[in-house]
Amino acid sequence: MKVFLYDTTLRDGNQDRKISYSLADKLQITRLLDSFGFDYIEGGWPNPSNPTDEEFFEKVKDLKLKHAKICAFGSTRRPKILPERDPLLLALVKSGAPVKTIFGKSWDLHVTEVIRTTLEENLDMIQSSVEFLKEHSEEVIYDAEHFFDGFKANPEYAVETLKAAELGGADFIVLCDTNGGTMPWELQDIFDQVRARISVPLGIHVHNDSGLAVSNSLYAVKAGASMVQGVVNGYGERTGNANLTTIMANLKLKMNASFFASKKLSGLRQLSVRIDQIANLPSDVRAPYVGDAAFAHKGGAHIDGVMKVSRSFEHIDPHVVGNDRVFVTSDQAGGSLVVEKLKVLKPGIDKKDPVVKSLLSVIKERENSGWHYDSAEGSFKMLVYRHLGMFQEPFRVLNYRVIEDKTPQGVSVSQATVKLQIGDKISHQVSEGDGPVNALDAALRKALVPFFPYMAKVRLDDFKVRVLGSNVASDAAVRVWTTFGDEKESWNVAGVSPNIIEASWLALVDGLCYKILKENKVIAGQSKKLVIKPTEVDEETDSHGSVALTARQIKRAADISKPALSNTKMGKRK
């Protein structure tokens, strides 16, 4: 059986009460989903009252996606308005998205009591809307809202709404359990009846109000659904949507279903963690397949059994989904997965090497302190290179300081001073910014650009702060998570400290050191020697003998994103 995966993390997932994606968040998630192999990505509902989604559909055209089709979401036309004059349908056309997904009413209760029109008019609204959008789209997907409740109340009319979409030319018709109250056996029975009367390929969209969204989605596939809609990690309104993370693993490993993203299943845990990080939510440790505890064993008999025959206490090999087994009472937690990563960074390394054991000890200690390397590969690489003596530090931090002032006009001003030793030179720089992190970032780059000109091309694409643990007092530890990028790629780094400034500084330094590592290949024993000297253009020397930049050079070099902080009052966001 072949299944198409339709992700609505950016739209339905964004209705979660704890989530509010920025434009940068949505674009970053889109890149991740496309890279993983999702077939359809629903970007949002473009309309004049939702400028973020309108801008998304403009910006996403520049992403050069490899596989996924971008979908714009909306509704059927309103009663008594022609499709070509309906502003919501026109906004869908204006979005330029190749796929348009619209929902319509399947439950007669909604027709007569919610939108307050006639049953006949509702049928025409569905058909004419689909027909109109077909003229402006590669594909049109029709979501039959509240279909299962509608079918239970009035099966004949519910099916008539599907036929209207079929007559309009819909490429997929998706049956929605919008209230999330349908039982699996009910869903399969209704699905079988619909398949006998509708020839258009069917899909499923389920909410989790009864805790059955994953089960119902799988039952629908078993009954013939060729499209599954859902959200990575199951975010969404109320109790959430069908969790595509769990669904994908079950489709491949339990049902042997064919879908394009199945070849990327070994990256499932990393995808889950990275999207949690962008959403600024803690990962569910008990999440099936991808959670920290999904393959954790504590009981002695269980550990003994797993070590003898892993399948005696594990339903799959955890590495298939990018996870690892954890022995809670032993020192072997996470070892296999870390060693696999080490082999990429240092080919030929053996798990029995004493340095591996000491590195694992450091990683465990840091993760217990709040570091999270699954979503910060850049930090993981820097930690490994430093611990194995494979990295030559390009500079030494002598001092940094941040000053916060408020002017008589009530404007907050952040100023940062950074003093570095680079080779035999001292670089001492001062910068202002929108918040202390922006000021630190600017000062650090000013100090580095004369020695590493390519640093001017590095962007700070994302910056988030999360309070760790249950202690939310002023002395609580925080984790800073940042995404840096250049013209070739992006990388994630983290910083953890009870001091939010220090955590931010650690992340900034690691992010820029990672760039230096890439450019100079400063890995001992296998690379060229790092040559450190300031550029000879536009340099000035301050009273301390430090290298300073002129205004012209700063302007040319600086491409510094202003950090948008989540879960903190660090700085202003524009």
Protein backbone atom coordinates (compact mmCIF):
# COMPACT_ATOMS: atom_id res chain seq x y z
CA MET A 1 0.00 0.00 0.00
CA LYS A 2 1.27 3.47 -0.90
CA VAL A 3 0.55 6.37 1.46
CA PHE A 4 1.08 10.12 1.05
CA LEU A 5 2.05 12.05 4.19
CA TYR A 6 0.42 15.45 4.61
CA ASP A 7 1.89 17.55 7.41
CA THR A 8 -0.08 20.36 9.02
CA THR A 9 2.37 21.23 11.81
CA LEU A 10 2.52 24.84 10.59
CA ARG A 11 -1.24 25.35 10.59
CA ASP A 12 -3.12 22.86 12.78
CA GLY A 13 -0.11 22.40 15.06
CA ASN A 14 0.13 26.16 15.45
CA GLN A 15 -3.29 26.12 17.14
CA ASP A 16 -1.71 24.50 20.19
CA ARG A 17 -2.13 26.92 23.09
CA LYS A 18 1.61 26.81 23.86
CA ILE A 19 2.81 27.44 20.30
CA SER A 20 3.13 30.61 18.26
CA TYR A 21 5.43 30.16 15.28
CA SER A 22 7.28 33.11 13.85
CA LEU A 23 7.87 33.36 10.12
CA ALA A 24 11.46 32.19 10.65
CA ASP A 25 10.17 29.19 12.64
CA LYS A 26 7.79 28.21 9.87
CA LEU A 27 10.43 28.42 7.17
CA GLN A 28 12.89 26.41 9.25
CA ILE A 29 10.31 23.69 9.92
CA THR A 30 9.43 23.63 6.22
CA ARG A 31 13.06 22.91 5.33
CA LEU A 32 13.20 20.10 7.90
CA LEU A 33 9.97 18.49 6.71
CA ASP A 34 10.99 18.68 3.07
CA SER A 35 14.42 17.24 3.80
CA PHE A 36 12.80 14.37 5.71
CA GLY A 37 10.57 13.52 2.75
CA PHE A 38 7.03 14.66 3.56
CA ASP A 39 4.84 14.77 0.48
CA TYR A 40 2.67 17.77 1.40
CA ILE A 41 3.34 20.65 3.80
CA GLU A 42 0.41 22.83 4.76
CA GLY A 43 1.86 26.31 5.26
CA GLY A 44 -1.12 28.09 6.77
CA TRP A 45 -4.28 30.03 5.95
CA PRO A 46 -3.41 33.07 3.83
CA ASN A 47 -5.84 35.93 4.25
CA PRO A 48 -5.61 39.66 5.00
CA SER A 49 -6.08 39.07 8.73
CA ASN A 50 -3.10 36.70 8.85
CA PRO A 51 -0.06 38.57 7.49
CA THR A 52 2.46 36.00 8.77
CA ASP A 53 0.94 33.27 6.64
CA GLU A 54 0.65 35.58 3.64
CA GLU A 55 4.35 36.39 3.96
CA PHE A 56 5.19 32.71 4.40
CA PHE A 57 3.80 31.86 0.97
CA GLU A 58 5.97 34.57 -0.55
CA LYS A 59 9.16 33.51 1.25
CA VAL A 60 8.70 29.76 0.80
CA LYS A 61 9.06 30.17 -2.97
CA ASP A 62 12.76 30.88 -2.41
CA LEU A 63 13.47 27.69 -0.44
CA LYS A 64 13.99 25.43 -3.49
CA LEU A 65 12.30 22.43 -1.90
CA LYS A 66 13.43 18.99 -3.03
CA HIS A 67 10.23 16.96 -2.72
CA ALA A 68 7.34 18.43 -0.74
CA LYS A 69 4.41 20.31 -2.25
CA ILE A 70 3.31 23.43 -0.40
CA CYS A 71 -0.39 23.66 0.42
CA ALA A 72 -2.44 26.76 1.23
CA PHE A 73 -5.41 26.11 3.51
CA GLY A 74 -8.82 27.75 3.51
CA SER A 75 -12.55 27.18 3.41
CA THR A 76 -15.23 26.89 0.77
CA ARG A 77 -16.86 30.07 -0.47
CA ARG A 78 -19.33 31.77 1.80
CA PRO A 79 -23.07 31.43 1.16
CA LYS A 80 -24.52 33.50 -1.68
CA ILE A 81 -21.11 34.68 -2.96
CA LEU A 82 -19.60 33.59 -6.27
CA PRO A 83 -16.21 31.84 -5.91
CA GLU A 84 -14.44 34.41 -8.07
CA ARG A 85 -15.62 37.16 -5.72
CA ASP A 86 -14.98 35.41 -2.42
CA PRO A 87 -11.99 37.12 -0.70
CA LEU A 88 -10.85 33.94 1.08
CA LEU A 89 -10.72 31.91 -2.14
CA LEU A 90 -8.99 34.78 -3.92
CA ALA A 91 -6.37 34.87 -1.12
CA LEU A 92 -5.70 31.17 -1.74
CA VAL A 93 -5.13 31.86 -5.42
CA LYS A 94 -2.91 34.84 -4.62
CA SER A 95 -0.72 32.67 -2.38
CA GLY A 96 0.64 30.92 -5.44
CA ALA A 97 0.77 27.60 -3.58
CA PRO A 98 0.60 24.70 -6.04
CA VAL A 99 -1.86 22.82 -3.82
CA LYS A 100 -5.02 24.29 -2.29
CA THR A 101 -6.74 22.52 0.61
CA ILE A 102 -10.22 23.65 1.60
CA PHE A 103 -12.64 22.38 4.18
CA GLY A 104 -16.40 22.26 3.94
CA LYS A 105 -19.35 21.17 6.03
CA SER A 106 -20.37 17.50 6.10
CA TRP A 107 -22.60 17.58 9.17
CA ASP A 108 -26.09 18.95 8.52
CA LEU A 109 -26.09 20.43 12.03
CA HIS A 110 -23.23 22.74 11.02
CA VAL A 111 -24.94 23.68 7.76
CA THR A 112 -28.22 24.74 9.29
CA GLU A 113 -27.11 25.96 12.73
CA VAL A 114 -23.52 27.23 12.32
CA ILE A 115 -23.19 28.74 8.83
CA ARG A 116 -27.01 28.96 8.62
CA THR A 117 -27.69 28.14 5.03
CA THR A 118 -29.59 25.43 3.18
CA LEU A 119 -28.36 21.92 2.61
CA GLU A 120 -28.53 22.46 -1.15
CA GLU A 121 -26.55 25.71 -1.00
CA ASN A 122 -23.83 23.96 1.02
CA LEU A 123 -23.45 21.34 -1.71
CA ASP A 124 -23.04 24.07 -4.32
CA MET A 125 -20.54 25.90 -2.09
CA ILE A 126 -18.38 22.77 -2.02
CA GLN A 127 -18.58 21.95 -5.73
CA SER A 128 -18.15 25.49 -7.04
CA SER A 129 -15.24 26.23 -4.69
CA VAL A 130 -13.36 23.11 -5.78
CA GLU A 131 -14.07 23.86 -9.45
CA PHE A 132 -12.78 27.43 -9.10
CA LEU A 133 -9.58 26.41 -7.32
CA LYS A 134 -8.90 23.62 -9.84
CA GLU A 135 -8.46 26.34 -12.45
CA HIS A 136 -5.65 27.88 -10.38
CA SER A 137 -3.91 24.86 -8.82
CA GLU A 138 -1.92 21.75 -9.55
CA GLU A 139 -4.05 19.89 -7.03
CA VAL A 140 -7.07 20.55 -4.83
CA ILE A 141 -7.63 18.61 -1.62
CA TYR A 142 -11.04 18.67 0.01
CA ASP A 143 -11.21 18.19 3.80
CA ALA A 144 -14.66 16.98 4.84
CA GLU A 145 -14.92 18.63 8.26
CA HIS A 146 -16.78 16.75 11.02
CA PHE A 147 -17.43 13.98 8.51
CA PHE A 148 -17.81 11.06 10.92
CA ASP A 149 -20.22 12.94 13.20
CA GLY A 150 -22.09 14.04 10.10
CA PHE A 151 -22.28 10.49 8.78
CA LYS A 152 -23.65 9.19 12.07
CA ALA A 153 -26.33 11.91 12.05
CA ASN A 154 -27.29 11.83 8.36
CA PRO A 155 -25.27 9.36 6.28
CA GLU A 156 -26.92 10.15 2.96
CA TYR A 157 -26.26 13.87 3.18
CA ALA A 158 -22.70 13.40 4.44
CA VAL A 159 -21.90 11.30 1.38
CA GLU A 160 -23.59 13.86 -0.88
CA THR A 161 -21.11 16.49 0.32
CA LEU A 162 -18.29 14.20 -0.78
CA LYS A 163 -19.90 13.70 -4.16
CA ALA A 164 -20.08 17.47 -4.57
CA ALA A 165 -16.31 17.66 -4.05
CA GLU A 166 -15.85 14.77 -6.45
CA LEU A 167 -17.92 16.54 -9.13
CA GLY A 168 -15.85 19.67 -8.57
CA GLY A 169 -12.70 17.74 -9.47
CA ALA A 170 -11.00 17.23 -6.07
CA ASP A 171 -7.79 15.20 -6.27
CA PHE A 172 -8.13 13.89 -2.70
CA ILE A 173 -11.11 13.80 -0.35
CA VAL A 174 -10.06 13.67 3.29
CA LEU A 175 -12.48 12.41 5.94
CA CYS A 176 -12.05 14.39 9.17
CA ASP A 177 -12.84 13.34 12.73
CA THR A 178 -12.74 16.96 13.84
CA ASN A 179 -14.15 16.39 17.33
CA GLY A 180 -11.95 13.33 17.86
CA GLY A 181 -14.72 11.17 19.31
CA THR A 182 -14.98 8.32 16.80
CA MET A 183 -14.01 4.79 17.83
CA PRO A 184 -11.70 2.78 15.54
CA TRP A 185 -14.31 0.16 14.64
CA GLU A 186 -16.81 2.91 13.80
CA LEU A 187 -14.27 4.69 11.65
CA GLN A 188 -13.33 1.59 9.69
CA ASP A 189 -16.98 0.69 9.06
CA ILE A 190 -17.80 4.20 7.82
CA PHE A 191 -14.65 4.28 5.71
CA ASP A 192 -15.64 1.03 4.02
CA GLN A 193 -19.07 2.44 3.17
CA VAL A 194 -17.61 5.62 1.73
CA ARG A 195 -15.08 3.76 -0.42
CA ALA A 196 -17.92 1.88 -2.05
CA ARG A 197 -19.53 5.16 -3.20
CA ILE A 198 -16.63 7.56 -3.87
CA SER A 199 -13.98 6.94 -6.54
CA VAL A 200 -11.63 9.83 -5.62
CA PRO A 201 -8.61 8.79 -3.46
CA LEU A 202 -9.45 9.16 0.22
CA GLY A 203 -7.46 10.52 3.13
CA ILE A 204 -7.82 10.76 6.90
CA HIS A 205 -7.50 13.67 9.35
CA VAL A 206 -8.04 12.80 13.02
CA HIS A 207 -7.93 14.72 16.29
CA ASN A 208 -6.87 13.09 19.54
CA ASP A 209 -9.70 13.97 21.94
CA SER A 210 -10.31 10.30 22.76
CA GLY A 211 -6.62 9.36 22.67
CA LEU A 212 -7.20 7.41 19.46
CA ALA A 213 -5.84 9.67 16.73
CA VAL A 214 -2.91 7.39 15.84
CA SER A 215 -5.03 4.24 16.01
CA ASN A 216 -7.79 5.77 13.90
CA SER A 217 -5.29 6.96 11.30
CA LEU A 218 -3.84 3.45 11.00
CA TYR A 219 -7.32 1.90 10.79
CA ALA A 220 -8.12 4.30 7.98
CA VAL A 221 -5.00 3.25 6.06
CA LYS A 222 -5.98 -0.37 6.60
CA ALA A 223 -9.41 0.52 5.17
CA GLY A 224 -7.88 2.13 2.08
CA ALA A 225 -6.85 5.71 2.91
CA SER A 226 -3.98 6.78 0.68
CA MET A 227 -3.32 10.09 2.47
CA VAL A 228 -2.68 10.64 6.18
CA GLN A 229 -2.83 14.15 7.58
CA GLY A 230 -1.31 14.98 10.94
CA VAL A 231 1.29 16.89 12.93
CA VAL A 232 4.83 15.99 13.93
CA ASN A 233 4.76 15.30 17.70
CA GLY A 234 0.96 15.59 17.72
CA TYR A 235 0.68 19.30 18.56
CA GLY A 236 -2.68 20.98 18.13
CA GLU A 237 -5.82 22.43 19.61
CA ARG A 238 -7.29 20.77 22.71
CA THR A 239 -5.55 17.37 23.04
CA GLY A 240 -3.78 17.63 19.71
CA ASN A 241 -3.75 16.08 16.26
CA ALA A 242 -2.71 12.66 15.01
CA ASN A 243 0.99 12.29 15.75
CA LEU A 244 2.75 11.73 12.42
CA THR A 245 5.95 10.78 14.25
CA THR A 246 4.29 7.69 15.70
CA ILE A 247 2.20 7.05 12.59
CA MET A 248 5.24 6.97 10.29
CA ALA A 249 7.04 4.42 12.44
CA ASN A 250 3.96 2.20 12.63
CA LEU A 251 3.23 2.46 8.91
CA LYS A 252 6.72 1.33 8.01
CA LEU A 253 7.59 -1.10 10.79
CA LYS A 254 4.19 -2.62 11.61
CA MET A 255 2.19 -2.34 8.39
CA ASN A 256 4.94 -2.43 5.75
CA ALA A 257 3.34 0.55 4.02
CA SER A 258 5.20 2.43 1.30
CA PHE A 259 5.77 6.17 1.65
CA PHE A 260 8.51 8.45 0.40
CA ALA A 261 9.86 9.46 3.83
CA SER A 262 10.30 5.85 4.99
CA LYS A 263 13.92 5.86 3.85
CA LYS A 264 14.64 8.63 6.39
CA LEU A 265 13.17 6.76 9.35
CA SER A 266 16.55 6.58 11.09
CA GLY A 267 16.32 10.36 11.49
CA LEU A 268 12.88 10.24 13.12
CA ARG A 269 14.03 11.02 16.66
CA GLN A 270 16.18 13.91 15.51
CA LEU A 271 13.29 15.36 13.51
CA SER A 272 11.01 15.12 16.54
CA VAL A 273 13.53 16.77 18.89
CA ARG A 274 14.43 19.55 16.46
CA ILE A 275 10.81 20.55 15.91
CA ASP A 276 10.20 20.48 19.67
CA GLN A 277 13.16 22.81 19.98
CA ILE A 278 11.86 25.24 17.36
CA ALA A 279 8.44 25.20 19.04
CA ASN A 280 10.28 25.81 22.34
CA LEU A 281 8.54 22.88 24.01
CA PRO A 282 10.03 20.11 26.16
CA SER A 283 10.21 16.77 24.37
CA ASP A 284 7.91 14.03 25.64
CA VAL A 285 10.24 11.51 27.28
CA ARG A 286 7.55 8.80 26.93
CA ALA A 287 6.79 9.44 23.27
CA PRO A 288 6.61 6.12 21.38
CA TYR A 289 9.70 5.36 19.30
CA VAL A 290 11.43 8.74 19.78
CA GLY A 291 11.18 9.59 23.49
CA ASP A 292 14.16 9.41 25.86
CA ALA A 293 12.40 6.61 27.76
CA ALA A 294 11.07 4.71 24.73
CA PHE A 295 13.82 2.09 25.10
CA ALA A 296 14.85 2.67 28.71
CA HIS A 297 15.28 -0.41 30.89
CA LYS A 298 15.58 -0.26 34.66
CA GLY A 299 14.61 -3.67 36.05
CA GLY A 300 17.51 -6.10 36.38
CA ALA A 301 15.70 -8.95 34.60
CA HIS A 302 14.80 -6.66 31.71
CA ILE A 303 18.38 -5.45 31.34
CA ASP A 304 19.70 -8.99 31.46
CA GLY A 305 17.19 -10.08 28.80
CA VAL A 306 17.91 -7.18 26.48
CA MET A 307 21.65 -7.73 26.70
CA LYS A 308 21.19 -11.42 25.79
CA VAL A 309 18.48 -11.04 23.13
CA SER A 310 17.36 -7.46 22.52
CA ARG A 311 14.04 -8.39 20.94
CA SER A 312 13.05 -10.25 24.10
CA PHE A 313 12.19 -6.88 25.68
CA GLU A 314 12.13 -4.46 22.70
CA HIS A 315 9.52 -4.46 19.92
CA ILE A 316 12.01 -2.94 17.43
CA ASP A 317 15.69 -2.10 17.21
CA PRO A 318 15.81 1.50 18.57
CA HIS A 319 18.46 2.52 16.03
CA VAL A 320 15.93 2.06 13.23
CA VAL A 321 14.23 5.28 14.37
CA GLY A 322 17.42 7.02 15.49
CA ASN A 323 16.97 6.27 19.18
CA ASP A 324 19.07 4.23 21.60
CA ARG A 325 18.41 1.86 24.45
CA VAL A 326 19.16 3.14 27.94
CA PHE A 327 20.07 1.01 30.93
CA VAL A 328 19.06 3.18 33.84
CA THR A 329 21.18 1.32 36.39
CA SER A 330 24.31 0.99 34.25
CA ASP A 331 26.90 3.20 32.58
CA GLN A 332 26.02 2.03 29.09
CA ALA A 333 23.19 4.54 28.47
CA GLY A 334 23.43 6.12 25.07
CA GLY A 335 26.76 4.49 24.27
CA SER A 336 25.93 2.83 20.98
CA LEU A 337 24.38 5.90 19.39
CA VAL A 338 27.21 8.16 20.54
CA VAL A 339 29.82 5.75 19.19
CA GLU A 340 28.05 5.72 15.82
CA LYS A 341 28.29 9.52 15.74
CA LEU A 342 31.94 9.38 16.83
CA LYS A 343 32.78 7.05 13.94
CA VAL A 344 31.66 9.77 11.54
CA LEU A 345 33.86 12.38 13.23
CA LYS A 346 36.81 10.07 13.88
CA PRO A 347 36.71 6.97 11.66
CA GLY A 348 38.05 3.80 13.23
CA ILE A 349 37.38 4.76 16.83
CA ASP A 350 36.43 1.79 18.98
CA LYS A 351 33.81 1.72 21.73
CA LYS A 352 36.38 0.10 24.04
CA ASP A 353 38.76 3.04 23.67
CA PRO A 354 39.13 4.65 27.15
CA VAL A 355 38.62 8.09 25.65
CA VAL A 356 35.14 7.01 24.51
CA LYS A 357 34.20 6.04 28.05
CA SER A 358 35.43 9.38 29.40
CA LEU A 359 33.58 11.26 26.65
CA LEU A 360 30.35 9.41 27.45
CA SER A 361 30.80 10.37 31.09
CA VAL A 362 31.17 14.04 30.10
CA ILE A 363 28.10 13.87 27.84
CA LYS A 364 25.97 12.28 30.59
CA GLU A 365 27.12 14.86 33.11
CA ARG A 366 26.30 17.69 30.73
CA GLU A 367 22.91 16.26 29.73
CA ASN A 368 22.04 15.93 33.42
CA SER A 369 22.85 19.63 33.68
CA GLY A 370 20.47 20.50 30.84
CA TRP A 371 22.47 20.18 27.63
CA HIS A 372 20.56 18.55 24.78
CA TYR A 373 22.85 17.35 22.01
CA ASP A 374 20.16 15.69 19.87
CA SER A 375 19.08 19.12 18.69
CA ALA A 376 22.51 20.75 18.83
CA GLU A 377 24.76 18.77 16.53
CA GLY A 378 27.17 21.70 16.26
CA SER A 379 27.74 21.69 20.02
CA PHE A 380 28.14 17.90 19.99
CA LYS A 381 30.86 18.09 17.35
CA MET A 382 32.67 20.88 19.17
CA LEU A 383 32.55 18.89 22.43
CA VAL A 384 33.96 15.78 20.72
CA TYR A 385 36.73 17.61 18.89
CA ARG A 386 37.78 19.42 22.06
CA HIS A 387 37.64 16.31 24.25
CA LEU A 388 39.62 14.21 21.77
CA GLY A 389 42.22 16.94 21.32
CA MET A 390 41.28 17.41 17.67
CA PHE A 391 40.45 21.11 17.79
CA GLN A 392 42.86 24.05 17.95
CA GLU A 393 41.14 26.93 19.74
CA PRO A 394 41.26 29.93 17.37
CA PHE A 395 40.98 32.57 20.10
CA ARG A 396 40.98 33.05 23.87
CA VAL A 397 38.29 35.01 25.68
CA LEU A 398 39.90 37.51 28.01
CA ASN A 399 36.79 39.38 29.05
CA TYR A 400 33.22 40.22 28.10
CA ARG A 401 30.76 42.58 29.72
CA VAL A 402 27.16 43.71 29.13
CA ILE A 403 25.69 47.01 30.32
CA GLU A 404 21.98 47.81 30.29
CA ASP A 405 20.94 51.48 30.33
CA LYS A 406 17.60 53.21 30.13
CA THR A 407 17.57 56.70 28.63
CA PRO A 408 15.50 59.58 30.08
CA GLN A 409 13.10 58.92 27.21
CA GLY A 410 12.50 55.41 28.54
CA VAL A 411 14.45 53.61 25.79
CA SER A 412 16.53 50.59 26.84
CA VAL A 413 20.05 50.45 25.40
CA SER A 414 22.27 47.35 25.55
CA GLN A 415 26.02 47.69 25.19
CA ALA A 416 28.52 44.82 25.10
CA THR A 417 32.30 44.83 25.37
CA VAL A 418 34.34 41.85 24.19
CA LYS A 419 38.10 41.34 24.61
CA LEU A 420 39.76 38.43 22.79
CA GLN A 421 43.32 37.25 22.27
CA ILE A 422 43.73 36.02 18.69
CA GLY A 423 47.21 34.75 18.02
CA ASP A 424 49.53 37.46 19.34
CA LYS A 425 46.90 40.21 18.89
CA ILE A 426 44.36 41.64 21.30
CA SER A 427 40.98 42.59 19.85
CA HIS A 428 38.87 44.77 22.13
CA GLN A 429 35.45 45.79 20.75
CA VAL A 430 32.25 47.51 21.86
CA SER A 431 28.80 47.27 20.23
CA GLU A 432 25.23 48.23 20.96
CA GLY A 433 22.23 46.06 20.16
CA ASP A 434 18.54 45.38 20.67
CA GLY A 435 19.01 43.48 23.88
CA PRO A 436 22.16 42.08 25.49
CA VAL A 437 22.46 39.03 23.24
CA ASN A 438 22.28 41.10 20.06
CA ALA A 439 24.95 43.43 21.51
CA LEU A 440 27.20 40.50 22.48
CA ASP A 441 26.79 38.92 19.06
CA ALA A 442 27.70 42.19 17.34
CA ALA A 443 30.76 42.81 19.54
CA LEU A 444 32.03 39.25 19.15
CA ARG A 445 31.79 39.47 15.36
CA LYS A 446 33.53 42.85 15.32
CA ALA A 447 36.38 41.27 17.24
CA LEU A 448 36.62 38.28 14.87
CA VAL A 449 35.92 39.66 11.37
CA PRO A 450 39.40 41.24 10.84
CA PHE A 451 40.96 37.82 11.44
CA PHE A 452 38.22 35.66 9.90
CA PRO A 453 36.54 37.72 7.13
CA TYR A 454 34.13 34.89 6.21
CA MET A 455 32.48 35.45 9.61
CA ALA A 456 30.63 38.37 7.98
CA LYS A 457 28.51 35.86 6.05
CA VAL A 458 27.32 33.99 9.13
CA ARG A 459 23.68 34.59 10.10
CA LEU A 460 22.02 34.08 13.46
CA ASP A 461 18.78 32.59 12.18
CA ASP A 462 17.11 31.56 15.42
CA PHE A 463 17.54 32.11 19.15
CA LYS A 464 15.43 30.58 21.90
CA VAL A 465 15.72 30.34 25.66
CA ARG A 466 14.09 27.73 27.85
CA VAL A 467 13.97 27.54 31.65
CA LEU A 468 15.04 24.04 32.71
CA GLY A 469 13.37 21.88 35.32
CA SER A 470 10.58 22.75 37.71
CA ASN A 471 12.52 25.54 39.39
CA VAL A 472 11.30 28.74 37.77
CA ALA A 473 12.85 31.12 40.27
CA SER A 474 15.39 33.71 39.21
CA ASP A 475 18.25 31.28 39.87
CA ALA A 476 16.89 28.56 37.58
CA ALA A 477 19.17 27.15 34.88
CA VAL A 478 18.36 28.03 31.28
CA ARG A 479 19.21 26.44 27.96
CA VAL A 480 19.87 28.69 24.99
CA TRP A 481 19.39 27.10 21.57
CA THR A 482 20.59 28.88 18.45
CA THR A 483 20.64 28.23 14.73
CA PHE A 484 23.47 29.72 12.69
CA GLY A 485 23.64 29.64 8.92
CA ASP A 486 25.75 30.71 5.98
CA GLU A 487 25.37 30.46 2.23
CA LYS A 488 25.93 26.68 2.33
CA GLU A 489 24.25 25.21 5.42
CA SER A 490 22.89 25.78 8.92
CA TRP A 491 23.99 24.37 12.29
CA ASN A 492 22.54 24.27 15.80
CA VAL A 493 24.39 24.97 19.02
CA ALA A 494 23.39 25.28 22.66
CA GLY A 495 24.52 26.88 25.89
CA VAL A 496 23.44 26.04 29.44
CA SER A 497 23.99 28.03 32.63
CA PRO A 498 22.10 29.48 35.58
CA ASN A 499 23.20 32.82 34.08
CA ILE A 500 21.25 33.62 30.92
CA ILE A 501 24.01 35.89 29.62
CA GLU A 502 26.64 33.18 30.07
CA ALA A 503 24.42 30.56 28.43
CA SER A 504 23.94 32.91 25.46
CA TRP A 505 27.67 33.62 25.30
CA LEU A 506 28.54 29.89 25.28
CA ALA A 507 26.13 29.33 22.39
CA LEU A 508 27.47 32.31 20.41
CA VAL A 509 31.09 31.26 20.85
CA ASP A 510 30.41 27.64 19.89
CA GLY A 511 28.39 28.71 16.86
CA LEU A 512 31.18 30.91 15.50
CA CYS A 513 33.93 28.44 16.42
CA TYR A 514 32.04 25.82 14.41
CA LYS A 515 32.23 28.12 11.38
CA ILE A 516 35.98 28.57 11.89
CA LEU A 517 36.33 24.80 12.18
CA LYS A 518 34.53 24.29 8.87
CA GLU A 519 36.47 26.96 7.02
CA ASN A 520 39.95 26.14 8.31
CA LYS A 521 39.59 22.44 9.10
CA VAL A 522 41.54 23.01 12.31
CA ILE A 523 41.51 19.35 13.31
CA ALA A 524 44.83 18.19 14.69
CA GLY A 525 46.67 15.62 12.63
CA GLN A 526 44.50 15.79 9.53
CA SER A 527 44.31 19.38 8.37
CA LYS A 528 46.07 22.53 7.41
CA LYS A 529 47.41 24.83 10.11
CA LEU A 530 45.19 27.71 11.10
CA VAL A 531 46.82 30.97 10.09
CA ILE A 532 45.65 33.92 12.16
CA LYS A 533 46.32 37.45 10.99
CA PRO A 534 44.14 40.53 10.73
CA THR A 535 42.98 41.81 7.37
CA GLU A 536 44.81 44.82 6.07
CA VAL A 537 41.74 46.81 5.10
CA ASP A 538 40.28 49.71 7.08
CA GLU A 539 41.91 48.78 10.38
CA GLU A 540 42.43 51.15 13.25
CA THR A 541 44.18 50.59 16.57
CA ASP A 542 42.67 51.82 19.80
CA SER A 543 44.57 53.10 22.83
CA HIS A 544 45.05 49.55 24.09
CA GLY A 545 46.77 48.41 20.89
CA SER A 546 43.63 46.50 19.91
CA VAL A 547 42.32 46.05 16.39
CA ALA A 548 39.16 48.07 15.77
CA LEU A 549 36.92 48.35 12.71
CA THR A 550 35.92 51.54 10.97
CA ALA A 551 32.24 52.29 10.50
CA ARG A 552 32.52 51.43 6.82
CA GLN A 553 33.98 47.98 7.50
CA ILE A 554 31.44 47.25 10.22
CA LYS A 555 28.60 48.11 7.88
CA ARG A 556 30.07 45.88 5.17
CA ALA A 557 30.69 42.97 7.53
CA ALA A 558 27.62 42.94 9.71
CA ASP A 559 24.76 40.69 8.77
CA ILE A 560 23.54 40.13 12.28
CA SER A 561 20.03 38.92 12.90
CA LYS A 562 18.31 40.42 15.92
CA PRO A 563 17.59 37.55 18.28
CA ALA A 564 13.96 36.85 19.00
CA LEU A 565 13.84 35.46 22.54
CA SER A 566 11.22 33.01 23.71
CA ASN A 567 10.29 32.41 27.35
CA THR A 568 12.37 35.38 28.54
CA LYS A 569 12.46 39.16 28.77
CA MET A 570 16.01 39.41 27.46
CA GLY A 571 15.54 42.03 24.78
CA LYS A 572 13.19 43.86 22.51
CA ARG A 573 11.99 42.17 19.38
CA LYS A 574 11.26 44.14 16.30
